[in-house]
N, C-alpha and C. Protein backbone atom coordinates (compact mmCIF):
# COMPACT_ATOMS: atom_id res chain seq x y z
N MET A 1 0.85 -1.18 -0.02
CA MET A 1 0.05 -0.06 0.01
C MET A 1 0.83 1.28 -0.05
N ASN A 2 0.35 2.16 -0.71
CA ASN A 2 1.07 3.50 -0.78
C ASN A 2 0.54 4.41 0.36
N PRO A 3 1.51 5.03 1.01
CA PRO A 3 0.99 5.94 2.07
C PRO A 3 0.28 7.13 1.40
N ALA A 4 -0.66 7.70 2.00
CA ALA A 4 -1.36 8.92 1.52
C ALA A 4 -0.47 10.08 1.47
N ILE A 5 -0.55 10.80 0.42
CA ILE A 5 0.24 12.07 0.26
C ILE A 5 -0.61 13.20 0.73
N THR A 6 -0.08 13.90 1.63
CA THR A 6 -0.78 15.08 2.13
C THR A 6 -0.07 16.28 1.66
N LEU A 7 -0.77 17.22 1.10
CA LEU A 7 -0.21 18.45 0.70
C LEU A 7 -0.27 19.50 1.77
N PRO A 8 0.76 20.36 1.85
CA PRO A 8 0.75 21.30 2.90
C PRO A 8 -0.41 22.35 2.68
N GLU A 9 -0.94 22.86 3.66
CA GLU A 9 -2.05 23.79 3.50
C GLU A 9 -1.44 25.14 3.07
N VAL A 10 -2.10 25.82 2.13
CA VAL A 10 -1.67 27.05 1.49
C VAL A 10 -2.49 28.15 2.15
N SER A 11 -1.75 29.13 2.65
CA SER A 11 -2.47 30.24 3.35
C SER A 11 -3.00 31.22 2.18
N PRO A 12 -3.96 31.99 2.50
CA PRO A 12 -4.51 32.96 1.49
C PRO A 12 -3.45 33.93 1.02
N SER A 13 -2.50 34.36 1.84
CA SER A 13 -1.43 35.28 1.36
C SER A 13 -0.52 34.60 0.34
N GLN A 14 -0.20 33.36 0.59
CA GLN A 14 0.60 32.62 -0.37
C GLN A 14 -0.12 32.44 -1.70
N ARG A 15 -1.43 32.17 -1.61
CA ARG A 15 -2.25 32.06 -2.84
C ARG A 15 -2.21 33.32 -3.62
N ARG A 16 -2.42 34.44 -2.92
CA ARG A 16 -2.39 35.76 -3.63
C ARG A 16 -1.05 35.99 -4.28
N ARG A 17 0.02 35.71 -3.56
CA ARG A 17 1.33 35.89 -4.11
C ARG A 17 1.54 35.03 -5.40
N GLY A 18 1.08 33.80 -5.34
CA GLY A 18 1.23 32.91 -6.46
C GLY A 18 0.39 33.41 -7.72
N ARG A 19 -0.74 34.02 -7.45
CA ARG A 19 -1.50 34.56 -8.58
C ARG A 19 -0.80 35.75 -9.15
N TRP A 20 -0.21 36.61 -8.36
CA TRP A 20 0.50 37.77 -8.88
C TRP A 20 1.76 37.33 -9.68
N GLN A 21 2.38 36.27 -9.22
CA GLN A 21 3.51 35.74 -10.00
C GLN A 21 3.10 35.19 -11.31
N LEU A 22 1.99 34.49 -11.42
CA LEU A 22 1.46 34.02 -12.67
C LEU A 22 1.09 35.14 -13.59
N ILE A 23 0.41 36.18 -13.06
CA ILE A 23 0.02 37.30 -13.88
C ILE A 23 1.26 38.05 -14.39
N LEU A 24 2.32 38.18 -13.57
CA LEU A 24 3.60 38.83 -14.00
C LEU A 24 4.26 38.02 -15.12
N ILE A 25 4.27 36.73 -14.97
CA ILE A 25 4.87 35.81 -16.04
C ILE A 25 4.13 36.03 -17.31
N VAL A 26 2.82 35.92 -17.27
CA VAL A 26 1.98 36.10 -18.51
C VAL A 26 2.23 37.46 -19.12
N ALA A 27 2.27 38.48 -18.28
CA ALA A 27 2.47 39.90 -18.80
C ALA A 27 3.88 39.97 -19.47
N VAL A 28 4.91 39.39 -18.94
CA VAL A 28 6.23 39.48 -19.47
C VAL A 28 6.29 38.72 -20.82
N VAL A 29 5.60 37.61 -20.94
CA VAL A 29 5.62 36.85 -22.19
C VAL A 29 4.76 37.47 -23.25
N ILE A 30 3.53 37.80 -22.94
CA ILE A 30 2.54 38.26 -23.90
C ILE A 30 2.59 39.77 -24.14
N GLY A 31 2.96 40.47 -23.10
CA GLY A 31 2.95 41.95 -23.18
C GLY A 31 3.72 42.56 -24.38
N PRO A 32 5.01 42.15 -24.63
CA PRO A 32 5.72 42.68 -25.80
C PRO A 32 5.02 42.42 -27.10
N MET A 33 4.39 41.26 -27.22
CA MET A 33 3.69 40.89 -28.50
C MET A 33 2.48 41.86 -28.68
N VAL A 34 1.76 42.12 -27.61
CA VAL A 34 0.62 42.98 -27.69
C VAL A 34 1.06 44.41 -27.99
N LEU A 35 2.14 44.85 -27.33
CA LEU A 35 2.66 46.22 -27.58
C LEU A 35 3.15 46.35 -29.02
N ALA A 36 3.88 45.37 -29.57
CA ALA A 36 4.35 45.43 -30.97
C ALA A 36 3.22 45.50 -31.93
N SER A 37 2.18 44.65 -31.71
CA SER A 37 1.04 44.66 -32.57
C SER A 37 0.31 46.01 -32.54
N ALA A 38 0.17 46.57 -31.38
CA ALA A 38 -0.51 47.85 -31.30
C ALA A 38 0.34 48.99 -31.95
N MET A 39 1.69 48.88 -31.83
CA MET A 39 2.56 49.91 -32.48
C MET A 39 2.41 49.79 -33.94
N TYR A 40 2.32 48.57 -34.52
CA TYR A 40 2.15 48.41 -35.96
C TYR A 40 0.82 48.84 -36.36
N GLN A 41 -0.25 48.55 -35.62
CA GLN A 41 -1.64 48.82 -36.06
C GLN A 41 -1.86 50.32 -35.99
N TRP A 42 -1.45 51.01 -34.93
CA TRP A 42 -1.80 52.39 -34.75
C TRP A 42 -0.63 53.35 -35.00
N ARG A 43 0.48 52.82 -35.47
CA ARG A 43 1.64 53.63 -35.90
C ARG A 43 2.12 54.65 -34.81
N PHE A 44 2.33 54.13 -33.60
CA PHE A 44 2.93 55.07 -32.60
C PHE A 44 4.27 54.52 -32.13
N TRP A 45 5.24 55.35 -31.70
CA TRP A 45 6.52 55.06 -31.37
C TRP A 45 7.35 54.44 -32.49
N VAL A 46 6.94 54.69 -33.69
CA VAL A 46 7.74 54.22 -34.87
C VAL A 46 8.83 55.26 -35.09
N PRO A 47 10.16 54.75 -35.15
CA PRO A 47 11.24 55.69 -35.36
C PRO A 47 11.16 56.38 -36.68
N GLU A 48 11.48 57.66 -36.66
CA GLU A 48 11.51 58.49 -37.90
C GLU A 48 12.85 58.41 -38.67
N SER A 49 13.90 57.92 -37.96
CA SER A 49 15.18 57.82 -38.54
C SER A 49 15.27 56.68 -39.52
N ARG A 50 16.24 56.72 -40.35
CA ARG A 50 16.47 55.65 -41.37
C ARG A 50 17.91 55.33 -41.47
N SER A 51 18.25 54.19 -42.00
CA SER A 51 19.61 53.79 -42.07
C SER A 51 20.23 53.88 -43.47
N TYR A 52 19.43 54.39 -44.41
CA TYR A 52 19.84 54.47 -45.86
C TYR A 52 19.89 55.91 -46.27
N HIS A 53 20.56 56.29 -47.34
CA HIS A 53 20.77 57.64 -47.63
C HIS A 53 20.03 58.05 -48.89
N GLY A 54 19.63 57.09 -49.74
CA GLY A 54 18.96 57.46 -50.97
C GLY A 54 17.49 57.40 -50.78
N GLU A 55 16.71 57.48 -51.89
CA GLU A 55 15.30 57.37 -51.87
C GLU A 55 14.90 55.92 -52.01
N LEU A 56 14.23 55.31 -51.00
CA LEU A 56 13.86 53.90 -51.01
C LEU A 56 12.69 53.66 -51.93
N LEU A 57 12.86 52.70 -52.86
CA LEU A 57 11.84 52.41 -53.81
C LEU A 57 11.33 50.97 -53.51
N GLY A 58 10.25 50.85 -52.81
CA GLY A 58 9.80 49.58 -52.35
C GLY A 58 8.41 49.29 -53.04
N ASN A 59 8.27 49.74 -54.25
CA ASN A 59 6.95 49.56 -54.92
C ASN A 59 6.98 48.53 -56.02
N GLY A 60 8.03 47.67 -56.07
CA GLY A 60 8.06 46.56 -57.04
C GLY A 60 8.41 46.93 -58.44
N GLN A 61 8.91 48.13 -58.69
CA GLN A 61 9.25 48.58 -59.99
C GLN A 61 10.60 47.97 -60.44
N THR A 62 10.75 47.61 -61.73
CA THR A 62 11.94 46.95 -62.18
C THR A 62 12.70 47.79 -63.16
N ARG A 63 13.89 47.31 -63.59
CA ARG A 63 14.61 47.95 -64.60
C ARG A 63 13.74 48.07 -65.93
N ALA A 64 13.06 47.09 -66.25
CA ALA A 64 12.19 47.09 -67.42
C ALA A 64 11.12 48.25 -67.34
N ASP A 65 10.51 48.44 -66.15
CA ASP A 65 9.56 49.53 -65.97
C ASP A 65 10.27 50.88 -66.13
N LEU A 66 11.58 50.92 -65.79
CA LEU A 66 12.33 52.19 -65.92
C LEU A 66 12.61 52.48 -67.37
N GLY A 67 12.49 51.48 -68.23
CA GLY A 67 12.80 51.69 -69.66
C GLY A 67 14.18 51.28 -70.04
N VAL A 68 14.85 50.53 -69.25
CA VAL A 68 16.20 50.10 -69.58
C VAL A 68 16.07 48.73 -70.28
N THR A 69 16.70 48.61 -71.38
CA THR A 69 16.71 47.37 -72.23
C THR A 69 18.11 46.79 -72.30
N GLY A 70 18.17 45.45 -72.15
CA GLY A 70 19.41 44.76 -72.33
C GLY A 70 20.30 44.79 -71.05
N GLY A 71 21.33 44.02 -71.10
CA GLY A 71 22.40 43.97 -70.07
C GLY A 71 21.88 43.43 -68.73
N GLU A 72 20.98 42.48 -68.77
CA GLU A 72 20.51 41.85 -67.50
C GLU A 72 21.49 40.87 -66.96
N GLU A 73 21.84 41.03 -65.68
CA GLU A 73 22.79 40.19 -65.03
C GLU A 73 22.22 39.76 -63.67
N ALA A 74 22.75 38.65 -63.16
CA ALA A 74 22.28 38.16 -61.84
C ALA A 74 23.23 38.74 -60.74
N ARG A 75 23.50 40.05 -60.84
CA ARG A 75 24.29 40.78 -59.86
C ARG A 75 23.65 42.04 -59.46
N TRP A 76 24.11 42.62 -58.36
CA TRP A 76 23.64 43.94 -58.02
C TRP A 76 24.23 44.97 -59.01
N GLN A 77 23.52 46.02 -59.25
CA GLN A 77 23.98 46.95 -60.33
C GLN A 77 23.82 48.40 -59.83
N LEU A 78 24.87 49.20 -60.09
CA LEU A 78 24.85 50.58 -60.01
C LEU A 78 24.53 51.15 -61.35
N LEU A 79 23.32 51.60 -61.56
CA LEU A 79 22.80 52.04 -62.85
C LEU A 79 22.67 53.51 -62.88
N VAL A 80 23.39 54.15 -63.84
CA VAL A 80 23.26 55.66 -64.08
C VAL A 80 22.30 55.78 -65.28
N THR A 81 21.31 56.65 -65.06
CA THR A 81 20.32 56.94 -66.15
C THR A 81 20.54 58.38 -66.59
N ALA A 82 20.50 58.55 -67.94
CA ALA A 82 20.62 59.87 -68.48
C ALA A 82 19.47 60.05 -69.47
N PRO A 83 18.46 60.77 -69.10
CA PRO A 83 17.29 60.97 -70.05
C PRO A 83 17.62 61.90 -71.20
N GLY A 84 18.61 62.68 -71.11
CA GLY A 84 19.08 63.52 -72.15
C GLY A 84 20.51 63.18 -72.54
N ALA A 85 21.26 64.21 -72.97
CA ALA A 85 22.68 63.97 -73.22
C ALA A 85 23.43 63.76 -71.91
N CYS A 86 24.50 63.00 -72.00
CA CYS A 86 25.24 62.64 -70.73
C CYS A 86 26.09 63.89 -70.44
N ASP A 87 25.49 64.80 -69.61
CA ASP A 87 26.15 66.08 -69.30
C ASP A 87 27.13 65.93 -68.11
N ALA A 88 27.56 66.98 -67.49
CA ALA A 88 28.55 66.90 -66.43
C ALA A 88 28.02 66.07 -65.21
N ASP A 89 26.78 66.28 -64.83
CA ASP A 89 26.22 65.51 -63.78
C ASP A 89 26.20 63.97 -64.00
N CYS A 90 25.79 63.67 -65.33
CA CYS A 90 25.77 62.28 -65.72
C CYS A 90 27.22 61.69 -65.65
N GLN A 91 28.16 62.43 -66.16
CA GLN A 91 29.55 61.95 -66.23
C GLN A 91 30.13 61.84 -64.75
N GLN A 92 29.68 62.68 -63.87
CA GLN A 92 30.17 62.56 -62.48
C GLN A 92 29.52 61.33 -61.85
N LEU A 93 28.30 61.05 -62.17
CA LEU A 93 27.65 59.77 -61.58
C LEU A 93 28.28 58.54 -62.13
N VAL A 94 28.59 58.54 -63.45
CA VAL A 94 29.33 57.36 -64.05
C VAL A 94 30.66 57.16 -63.35
N PHE A 95 31.41 58.16 -63.08
CA PHE A 95 32.67 58.15 -62.43
C PHE A 95 32.39 57.59 -60.95
N LEU A 96 31.45 58.16 -60.28
CA LEU A 96 31.08 57.73 -58.92
C LEU A 96 30.71 56.26 -58.83
N ALA A 97 29.87 55.80 -59.82
CA ALA A 97 29.49 54.40 -59.88
C ALA A 97 30.72 53.45 -59.99
N ARG A 98 31.68 53.85 -60.84
CA ARG A 98 32.86 53.05 -60.95
C ARG A 98 33.71 53.08 -59.67
N GLN A 99 33.87 54.22 -59.01
CA GLN A 99 34.54 54.33 -57.76
C GLN A 99 33.87 53.46 -56.66
N ILE A 100 32.60 53.51 -56.65
CA ILE A 100 31.83 52.69 -55.63
C ILE A 100 32.08 51.23 -55.87
N HIS A 101 32.04 50.85 -57.18
CA HIS A 101 32.25 49.49 -57.50
C HIS A 101 33.61 49.03 -57.07
N ILE A 102 34.67 49.79 -57.35
CA ILE A 102 35.98 49.54 -56.91
C ILE A 102 36.03 49.45 -55.39
N GLY A 103 35.37 50.34 -54.70
CA GLY A 103 35.37 50.40 -53.23
C GLY A 103 34.74 49.22 -52.62
N LEU A 104 34.00 48.45 -53.33
CA LEU A 104 33.40 47.21 -52.68
C LEU A 104 34.46 46.20 -52.34
N ASN A 105 35.65 46.29 -52.87
CA ASN A 105 36.75 45.41 -52.64
C ASN A 105 36.37 43.93 -52.91
N ARG A 106 36.33 43.09 -51.92
CA ARG A 106 36.16 41.66 -52.13
C ARG A 106 34.73 41.37 -52.64
N ASP A 107 33.81 42.27 -52.42
CA ASP A 107 32.42 42.09 -52.90
C ASP A 107 32.21 42.64 -54.29
N ALA A 108 33.27 43.16 -54.91
CA ALA A 108 33.14 43.76 -56.32
C ALA A 108 32.57 42.80 -57.29
N SER A 109 32.82 41.53 -57.09
CA SER A 109 32.33 40.52 -58.10
C SER A 109 30.78 40.36 -58.02
N ARG A 110 30.23 40.78 -56.89
CA ARG A 110 28.77 40.69 -56.77
C ARG A 110 27.99 41.87 -57.30
N ALA A 111 28.69 42.84 -57.89
CA ALA A 111 28.09 44.00 -58.45
C ALA A 111 28.63 44.42 -59.82
N SER A 112 27.88 45.31 -60.44
CA SER A 112 28.43 45.82 -61.70
C SER A 112 27.94 47.27 -61.82
N HIS A 113 28.41 48.00 -62.90
CA HIS A 113 27.93 49.36 -63.08
C HIS A 113 27.61 49.48 -64.51
N ALA A 114 26.63 50.35 -64.74
CA ALA A 114 26.10 50.56 -66.15
C ALA A 114 25.61 51.97 -66.33
N LEU A 115 25.52 52.30 -67.61
CA LEU A 115 24.98 53.62 -68.02
C LEU A 115 23.89 53.35 -69.06
N ALA A 116 22.75 53.96 -68.73
CA ALA A 116 21.59 53.78 -69.70
C ALA A 116 21.26 55.22 -70.16
N SER A 117 21.37 55.50 -71.41
CA SER A 117 21.10 56.80 -71.99
C SER A 117 20.04 56.77 -73.05
N ALA A 118 19.23 57.84 -73.14
CA ALA A 118 18.23 57.93 -74.11
C ALA A 118 18.75 58.41 -75.42
N GLU A 119 19.85 59.22 -75.31
CA GLU A 119 20.47 59.82 -76.58
C GLU A 119 21.77 59.18 -76.72
N PRO A 120 22.33 59.12 -78.01
CA PRO A 120 23.67 58.62 -78.16
C PRO A 120 24.72 59.53 -77.46
N LEU A 121 25.76 58.87 -76.98
CA LEU A 121 26.88 59.69 -76.37
C LEU A 121 27.73 60.33 -77.42
N SER A 122 28.34 61.44 -76.95
CA SER A 122 29.23 62.15 -77.92
C SER A 122 30.36 61.20 -78.28
N GLN A 123 31.05 61.42 -79.40
CA GLN A 123 32.11 60.57 -79.82
C GLN A 123 33.28 60.62 -78.85
N ALA A 124 33.57 61.78 -78.39
CA ALA A 124 34.76 61.95 -77.48
C ALA A 124 34.51 61.22 -76.13
N TYR A 125 33.26 61.35 -75.61
CA TYR A 125 32.93 60.75 -74.35
C TYR A 125 32.86 59.20 -74.50
N ASP A 126 32.28 58.73 -75.66
CA ASP A 126 32.18 57.33 -75.90
C ASP A 126 33.63 56.65 -76.06
N THR A 127 34.55 57.40 -76.69
CA THR A 127 35.93 56.87 -76.76
C THR A 127 36.56 56.84 -75.37
N ARG A 128 36.30 57.90 -74.56
CA ARG A 128 36.80 57.92 -73.22
C ARG A 128 36.29 56.77 -72.38
N LEU A 129 35.02 56.44 -72.47
CA LEU A 129 34.48 55.41 -71.74
C LEU A 129 35.03 54.06 -72.16
N GLN A 130 35.23 53.81 -73.43
CA GLN A 130 35.82 52.59 -73.87
C GLN A 130 37.25 52.43 -73.35
N ARG A 131 37.98 53.50 -73.28
CA ARG A 131 39.34 53.44 -72.85
C ARG A 131 39.46 53.31 -71.26
N GLU A 132 38.68 54.19 -70.52
CA GLU A 132 38.86 54.26 -69.11
C GLU A 132 37.90 53.44 -68.29
N TYR A 133 36.79 53.09 -68.85
CA TYR A 133 35.76 52.29 -68.16
C TYR A 133 35.41 51.01 -68.94
N PRO A 134 36.34 50.10 -69.02
CA PRO A 134 36.06 48.86 -69.85
C PRO A 134 35.01 47.96 -69.28
N GLN A 135 34.73 48.03 -68.01
CA GLN A 135 33.68 47.13 -67.44
C GLN A 135 32.33 47.79 -67.41
N LEU A 136 32.20 49.05 -67.84
CA LEU A 136 30.93 49.73 -67.84
C LEU A 136 30.01 49.21 -68.96
N SER A 137 28.82 48.72 -68.57
CA SER A 137 27.85 48.27 -69.55
C SER A 137 27.10 49.48 -70.03
N ARG A 138 26.86 49.57 -71.34
CA ARG A 138 26.12 50.68 -71.93
C ARG A 138 24.79 50.19 -72.45
N LEU A 139 23.75 50.74 -71.93
CA LEU A 139 22.40 50.27 -72.33
C LEU A 139 21.51 51.39 -72.90
N ARG A 140 20.42 51.02 -73.46
CA ARG A 140 19.47 52.01 -74.03
C ARG A 140 18.39 52.35 -73.04
N LEU A 141 17.91 53.56 -73.00
CA LEU A 141 16.89 54.01 -72.12
C LEU A 141 15.74 54.47 -72.97
N GLN A 142 14.53 53.95 -72.70
CA GLN A 142 13.33 54.37 -73.43
C GLN A 142 12.75 55.54 -72.57
N LEU A 143 12.75 56.74 -73.20
CA LEU A 143 12.36 57.97 -72.49
C LEU A 143 10.98 58.00 -71.97
N GLN A 144 10.01 57.42 -72.70
CA GLN A 144 8.60 57.45 -72.24
C GLN A 144 8.43 56.68 -70.93
N SER A 145 8.94 55.46 -70.88
CA SER A 145 8.90 54.61 -69.73
C SER A 145 9.66 55.26 -68.54
N TYR A 146 10.78 55.78 -68.80
CA TYR A 146 11.60 56.47 -67.79
C TYR A 146 10.85 57.59 -67.14
N GLN A 147 10.23 58.47 -67.92
CA GLN A 147 9.48 59.58 -67.41
C GLN A 147 8.34 59.16 -66.57
N ARG A 148 7.64 58.01 -66.93
CA ARG A 148 6.57 57.53 -66.11
C ARG A 148 7.03 57.11 -64.78
N VAL A 149 8.29 56.49 -64.67
CA VAL A 149 8.73 55.98 -63.38
C VAL A 149 9.39 57.08 -62.59
N ALA A 150 10.29 57.84 -63.23
CA ALA A 150 11.10 58.85 -62.54
C ALA A 150 10.29 60.05 -62.17
N GLY A 151 9.19 60.25 -62.90
CA GLY A 151 8.34 61.44 -62.53
C GLY A 151 9.00 62.77 -62.88
N GLN A 152 8.90 63.69 -61.96
CA GLN A 152 9.51 65.05 -62.08
C GLN A 152 10.99 65.11 -61.94
N SER A 153 11.60 64.00 -61.55
CA SER A 153 13.07 64.00 -61.29
C SER A 153 13.76 64.10 -62.59
N ALA A 154 14.27 65.33 -63.00
CA ALA A 154 14.92 65.43 -64.21
C ALA A 154 16.43 65.32 -64.05
N GLY A 155 17.05 65.02 -65.09
CA GLY A 155 18.50 64.88 -65.08
C GLY A 155 19.01 63.46 -64.76
N ALA A 156 20.27 63.37 -64.69
CA ALA A 156 20.93 62.01 -64.48
C ALA A 156 20.65 61.61 -63.00
N GLN A 157 20.49 60.29 -62.85
CA GLN A 157 20.23 59.68 -61.56
C GLN A 157 21.02 58.37 -61.40
N LEU A 158 21.30 57.97 -60.23
CA LEU A 158 21.97 56.69 -59.94
C LEU A 158 21.04 55.85 -59.21
N TRP A 159 20.87 54.61 -59.70
CA TRP A 159 19.93 53.67 -59.06
C TRP A 159 20.67 52.44 -58.63
N ILE A 160 20.30 51.82 -57.46
CA ILE A 160 20.83 50.54 -57.06
C ILE A 160 19.69 49.51 -57.41
N VAL A 161 20.08 48.55 -58.22
CA VAL A 161 19.15 47.54 -58.76
C VAL A 161 19.61 46.18 -58.16
N ASP A 162 18.68 45.36 -57.69
CA ASP A 162 18.98 44.06 -57.15
C ASP A 162 19.22 43.01 -58.30
N PRO A 163 19.72 41.83 -57.99
CA PRO A 163 19.89 40.88 -58.98
C PRO A 163 18.72 40.39 -59.74
N HIS A 164 17.49 40.64 -59.19
CA HIS A 164 16.27 40.24 -59.85
C HIS A 164 15.76 41.39 -60.77
N GLY A 165 16.47 42.53 -60.84
CA GLY A 165 16.05 43.58 -61.63
C GLY A 165 15.14 44.67 -60.95
N ASN A 166 14.95 44.49 -59.61
CA ASN A 166 14.08 45.39 -58.90
C ASN A 166 14.86 46.65 -58.54
N LEU A 167 14.17 47.84 -58.61
CA LEU A 167 14.79 49.07 -58.24
C LEU A 167 14.74 49.18 -56.71
N VAL A 168 15.88 49.45 -56.04
CA VAL A 168 15.95 49.48 -54.62
C VAL A 168 16.08 50.85 -54.08
N LEU A 169 17.10 51.58 -54.50
CA LEU A 169 17.36 52.93 -54.02
C LEU A 169 17.72 53.87 -55.22
N ARG A 170 17.36 55.17 -55.08
CA ARG A 170 17.60 56.16 -56.09
C ARG A 170 18.40 57.31 -55.46
N TYR A 171 19.31 57.85 -56.27
CA TYR A 171 20.16 58.96 -55.81
C TYR A 171 20.22 60.04 -56.88
N GLY A 172 20.21 61.30 -56.47
CA GLY A 172 20.33 62.35 -57.39
C GLY A 172 21.78 62.68 -57.76
N ALA A 173 21.95 63.70 -58.53
CA ALA A 173 23.29 64.03 -58.98
C ALA A 173 24.26 64.58 -57.96
N GLY A 174 23.73 65.10 -56.86
CA GLY A 174 24.64 65.64 -55.82
C GLY A 174 24.88 64.73 -54.72
N SER A 175 24.65 63.44 -54.85
CA SER A 175 24.81 62.44 -53.81
C SER A 175 26.31 62.18 -53.53
N LYS A 176 26.56 61.88 -52.26
CA LYS A 176 27.93 61.58 -51.82
C LYS A 176 28.24 60.07 -52.07
N GLY A 177 29.43 59.80 -52.59
CA GLY A 177 29.86 58.43 -52.86
C GLY A 177 29.92 57.56 -51.61
N LYS A 178 30.37 58.08 -50.51
CA LYS A 178 30.54 57.31 -49.28
C LYS A 178 29.16 56.81 -48.83
N ALA A 179 28.16 57.68 -48.91
CA ALA A 179 26.76 57.32 -48.50
C ALA A 179 26.28 56.17 -49.40
N ILE A 180 26.43 56.27 -50.68
CA ILE A 180 26.02 55.19 -51.59
C ILE A 180 26.74 53.88 -51.33
N LEU A 181 28.04 54.05 -51.12
CA LEU A 181 28.88 52.85 -50.87
C LEU A 181 28.39 52.21 -49.58
N ASP A 182 28.14 52.94 -48.49
CA ASP A 182 27.60 52.34 -47.31
C ASP A 182 26.31 51.64 -47.49
N ASP A 183 25.38 52.27 -48.25
CA ASP A 183 24.14 51.66 -48.55
C ASP A 183 24.28 50.32 -49.27
N LEU A 184 25.14 50.34 -50.32
CA LEU A 184 25.36 49.12 -51.13
C LEU A 184 26.01 48.01 -50.27
N ARG A 185 26.97 48.41 -49.45
CA ARG A 185 27.62 47.40 -48.59
C ARG A 185 26.59 46.74 -47.67
N HIS A 186 25.69 47.58 -47.11
CA HIS A 186 24.70 47.09 -46.17
C HIS A 186 23.75 46.14 -46.92
N LEU A 187 23.35 46.47 -48.15
CA LEU A 187 22.51 45.57 -48.91
C LEU A 187 23.16 44.27 -49.26
N LEU A 188 24.52 44.33 -49.63
CA LEU A 188 25.17 43.11 -49.91
C LEU A 188 25.39 42.23 -48.67
N LYS A 189 25.51 42.88 -47.57
CA LYS A 189 25.73 42.08 -46.30
C LYS A 189 24.50 41.34 -45.92
N ILE A 190 23.29 41.94 -46.04
CA ILE A 190 22.08 41.32 -45.64
C ILE A 190 21.41 40.47 -46.76
N SER A 191 21.93 40.58 -47.95
CA SER A 191 21.37 39.88 -49.11
C SER A 191 21.94 38.47 -49.26
N GLN A 192 21.10 37.53 -49.62
CA GLN A 192 21.46 36.17 -49.85
C GLN A 192 21.52 35.94 -51.41
N ILE A 193 21.20 36.97 -52.22
CA ILE A 193 21.23 36.80 -53.65
C ILE A 193 22.33 37.67 -54.28
N GLY A 194 22.71 37.30 -55.46
CA GLY A 194 23.76 38.03 -56.19
C GLY A 194 25.10 37.87 -55.66
């Protein structure tokens, strides 16, 4: 025969303390989930700061939507677009794209740089590109498609395009190379593609 097991008697104060401990444990486990859901639903305490420097394009637009034809690669791309002649701003962005590509160091094989222009390049600049920028891909830009996507943003721009052809970030002509390089390095670090 087994002897009868007797439980010690629990006083009302111990019972109250046990209930508070249970409530506290439930609040610690479920509370953060409820708070995060409420922050998402009603958009409060959302940080205004951001960790990227360009204009984030998260609307699913692709290089094809931008009007760029040809030169599709399974790598990240620094794409310079020139809706008109490749003026001084365009040439500066082409130079910047190459410098950023070089600045990637060991990750340079995961990226490329390209120039998409709506108008033919001048003979002198074309010769210079062939001589000084041998890895630069030159593509065609369809102006109507470009104006639909770029909107009122006139002039040359630099775009970061992912390996699937999606537009990720956009930069204007006055952008700093260090900021673009930091953004691209961050994208390459968190990306499993390209």
